Amino acid sequence: MQVVTRLILATLLASSSLSALAEDGAQRSQQAVAKFRAEQQRIHGPSQPQTAAGQTEAAGQ
């Protein structure tokens, strides 16, 4: 019986801590992607439109 009680207690503690850690996770991910894209645009300049063949319009001419 003591093992079952400890297992239940461990499960409750784990589930409550996971929900606290997951809070605001989606927003942090979106912020990281936005920061990455801004940094890439700063480094490489604005992106050029791609054609179906995967080449830029200027390179295809």
N, C-alpha and C. Protein backbone atom coordinates (compact mmCIF):
# COMPACT_ATOMS: atom_id res chain seq x y z
N MET A 1 0.82 -1.19 0.00
CA MET A 1 0.00 0.00 0.00
C MET A 1 0.86 1.26 0.00
N GLN A 2 1.99 1.20 0.68
CA GLN A 2 2.88 2.35 0.76
C GLN A 2 3.49 2.65 -0.61
N VAL A 3 3.76 1.63 -1.39
CA VAL A 3 4.32 1.83 -2.73
C VAL A 3 3.30 2.52 -3.63
N VAL A 4 2.05 2.12 -3.53
CA VAL A 4 1.00 2.72 -4.34
C VAL A 4 0.83 4.19 -3.97
N THR A 5 0.86 4.49 -2.69
CA THR A 5 0.73 5.88 -2.23
C THR A 5 1.88 6.73 -2.75
N ARG A 6 3.08 6.21 -2.70
CA ARG A 6 4.24 6.96 -3.21
C ARG A 6 4.14 7.16 -4.72
N LEU A 7 3.65 6.16 -5.42
CA LEU A 7 3.49 6.27 -6.87
C LEU A 7 2.46 7.33 -7.22
N ILE A 8 1.37 7.35 -6.50
CA ILE A 8 0.34 8.37 -6.74
C ILE A 8 0.87 9.76 -6.43
N LEU A 9 1.58 9.90 -5.34
CA LEU A 9 2.15 11.19 -4.97
C LEU A 9 3.17 11.67 -6.02
N ALA A 10 4.01 10.76 -6.48
CA ALA A 10 5.00 11.12 -7.51
C ALA A 10 4.31 11.54 -8.80
N THR A 11 3.24 10.84 -9.17
CA THR A 11 2.49 11.19 -10.38
C THR A 11 1.86 12.57 -10.26
N LEU A 12 1.28 12.87 -9.12
CA LEU A 12 0.67 14.18 -8.91
C LEU A 12 1.70 15.30 -8.95
N LEU A 13 2.84 15.08 -8.32
CA LEU A 13 3.89 16.10 -8.34
C LEU A 13 4.45 16.31 -9.74
N ALA A 14 4.64 15.23 -10.47
CA ALA A 14 5.17 15.35 -11.83
C ALA A 14 4.19 16.07 -12.75
N SER A 15 2.91 15.73 -12.64
CA SER A 15 1.93 16.37 -13.53
C SER A 15 1.78 17.86 -13.21
N SER A 16 1.84 18.22 -11.95
CA SER A 16 1.71 19.65 -11.61
C SER A 16 2.93 20.44 -12.04
N SER A 17 4.12 19.85 -11.95
CA SER A 17 5.32 20.57 -12.36
C SER A 17 5.40 20.69 -13.88
N LEU A 18 4.93 19.67 -14.60
CA LEU A 18 4.95 19.75 -16.06
C LEU A 18 4.01 20.83 -16.58
N SER A 19 2.87 20.99 -15.97
CA SER A 19 1.95 22.04 -16.42
C SER A 19 2.54 23.42 -16.16
N ALA A 20 3.28 23.56 -15.08
CA ALA A 20 3.93 24.85 -14.79
C ALA A 20 5.04 25.14 -15.79
N LEU A 21 5.77 24.11 -16.20
CA LEU A 21 6.85 24.31 -17.16
C LEU A 21 6.31 24.57 -18.57
N ALA A 22 5.17 23.99 -18.90
CA ALA A 22 4.61 24.14 -20.25
C ALA A 22 3.92 25.47 -20.44
N GLU A 23 3.67 26.19 -19.38
CA GLU A 23 2.98 27.47 -19.47
C GLU A 23 3.80 28.44 -20.31
N ASP A 24 3.18 29.10 -21.27
CA ASP A 24 3.81 30.10 -22.13
C ASP A 24 4.81 29.48 -23.12
N GLY A 25 4.77 28.19 -23.32
CA GLY A 25 5.72 27.53 -24.22
C GLY A 25 5.52 27.91 -25.67
N ALA A 26 4.28 28.03 -26.12
CA ALA A 26 4.00 28.36 -27.52
C ALA A 26 4.48 29.77 -27.86
N GLN A 27 4.30 30.69 -26.95
CA GLN A 27 4.72 32.06 -27.20
C GLN A 27 6.24 32.17 -27.26
N ARG A 28 6.93 31.44 -26.40
CA ARG A 28 8.40 31.46 -26.44
C ARG A 28 8.90 30.89 -27.76
N SER A 29 8.24 29.85 -28.25
CA SER A 29 8.64 29.26 -29.52
C SER A 29 8.43 30.23 -30.67
N GLN A 30 7.30 30.89 -30.68
CA GLN A 30 7.01 31.87 -31.74
C GLN A 30 7.98 33.04 -31.67
N GLN A 31 8.33 33.48 -30.48
CA GLN A 31 9.30 34.57 -30.34
C GLN A 31 10.68 34.16 -30.84
N ALA A 32 11.06 32.91 -30.58
CA ALA A 32 12.36 32.43 -31.04
C ALA A 32 12.41 32.37 -32.56
N VAL A 33 11.32 31.93 -33.20
CA VAL A 33 11.27 31.86 -34.66
C VAL A 33 11.32 33.27 -35.25
N ALA A 34 10.58 34.20 -34.66
CA ALA A 34 10.58 35.58 -35.16
C ALA A 34 11.97 36.21 -35.02
N LYS A 35 12.62 35.95 -33.90
CA LYS A 35 13.96 36.48 -33.68
C LYS A 35 14.95 35.88 -34.69
N PHE A 36 14.84 34.58 -34.94
CA PHE A 36 15.71 33.91 -35.90
C PHE A 36 15.53 34.48 -37.30
N ARG A 37 14.27 34.65 -37.72
CA ARG A 37 14.00 35.19 -39.06
C ARG A 37 14.51 36.62 -39.21
N ALA A 38 14.33 37.42 -38.17
CA ALA A 38 14.83 38.80 -38.22
C ALA A 38 16.35 38.82 -38.33
N GLU A 39 17.00 37.95 -37.59
CA GLU A 39 18.46 37.88 -37.64
C GLU A 39 18.94 37.40 -39.01
N GLN A 40 18.26 36.42 -39.58
CA GLN A 40 18.63 35.94 -40.91
C GLN A 40 18.42 37.01 -41.97
N GLN A 41 17.35 37.77 -41.84
CA GLN A 41 17.10 38.84 -42.80
C GLN A 41 18.16 39.93 -42.65
N ARG A 42 18.58 40.22 -41.42
CA ARG A 42 19.61 41.22 -41.20
C ARG A 42 20.94 40.77 -41.80
N ILE A 43 21.24 39.49 -41.68
CA ILE A 43 22.51 38.96 -42.18
C ILE A 43 22.50 38.83 -43.70
N HIS A 44 21.44 38.23 -44.25
CA HIS A 44 21.38 37.88 -45.67
C HIS A 44 20.59 38.85 -46.53
N GLY A 45 19.90 39.78 -45.93
CA GLY A 45 19.06 40.71 -46.68
C GLY A 45 17.69 40.12 -46.91
N PRO A 46 16.79 40.90 -47.49
CA PRO A 46 15.43 40.40 -47.72
C PRO A 46 15.44 39.23 -48.69
N SER A 47 14.51 38.31 -48.48
CA SER A 47 14.45 37.13 -49.35
C SER A 47 13.87 37.51 -50.71
N GLN A 48 14.28 36.76 -51.72
CA GLN A 48 13.77 36.97 -53.08
C GLN A 48 12.74 35.90 -53.37
N PRO A 49 11.73 36.21 -54.21
CA PRO A 49 10.71 35.21 -54.53
C PRO A 49 11.33 34.01 -55.25
N GLN A 50 10.83 32.83 -54.95
CA GLN A 50 11.33 31.59 -55.56
C GLN A 50 10.40 31.16 -56.68
N THR A 51 10.98 30.58 -57.75
CA THR A 51 10.18 30.01 -58.82
C THR A 51 9.91 28.55 -58.49
N ALA A 52 9.13 27.87 -59.32
CA ALA A 52 8.81 26.47 -59.08
C ALA A 52 10.06 25.60 -59.13
N ALA A 53 11.06 26.00 -59.92
CA ALA A 53 12.29 25.22 -60.03
C ALA A 53 13.23 25.46 -58.84
N GLY A 54 12.88 26.42 -57.96
CA GLY A 54 13.71 26.69 -56.81
C GLY A 54 14.78 27.73 -57.08
N GLN A 55 14.75 28.38 -58.23
CA GLN A 55 15.72 29.42 -58.54
C GLN A 55 15.06 30.76 -58.35
N THR A 56 15.86 31.76 -58.04
CA THR A 56 15.30 33.10 -57.90
C THR A 56 14.98 33.66 -59.28
N GLU A 57 14.12 34.63 -59.30
CA GLU A 57 13.70 35.24 -60.58
C GLU A 57 14.91 35.85 -61.29
N ALA A 58 15.79 36.52 -60.58
CA ALA A 58 16.93 37.17 -61.21
C ALA A 58 17.92 36.14 -61.75
N ALA A 59 18.10 35.03 -61.08
CA ALA A 59 19.04 34.01 -61.54
C ALA A 59 18.51 33.25 -62.75
N GLY A 60 17.19 33.19 -62.92
CA GLY A 60 16.62 32.44 -64.03
C GLY A 60 16.68 33.18 -65.35
N GLN A 61 16.98 34.47 -65.32
CA GLN A 61 16.99 35.26 -66.54
C GLN A 61 18.37 35.35 -67.14
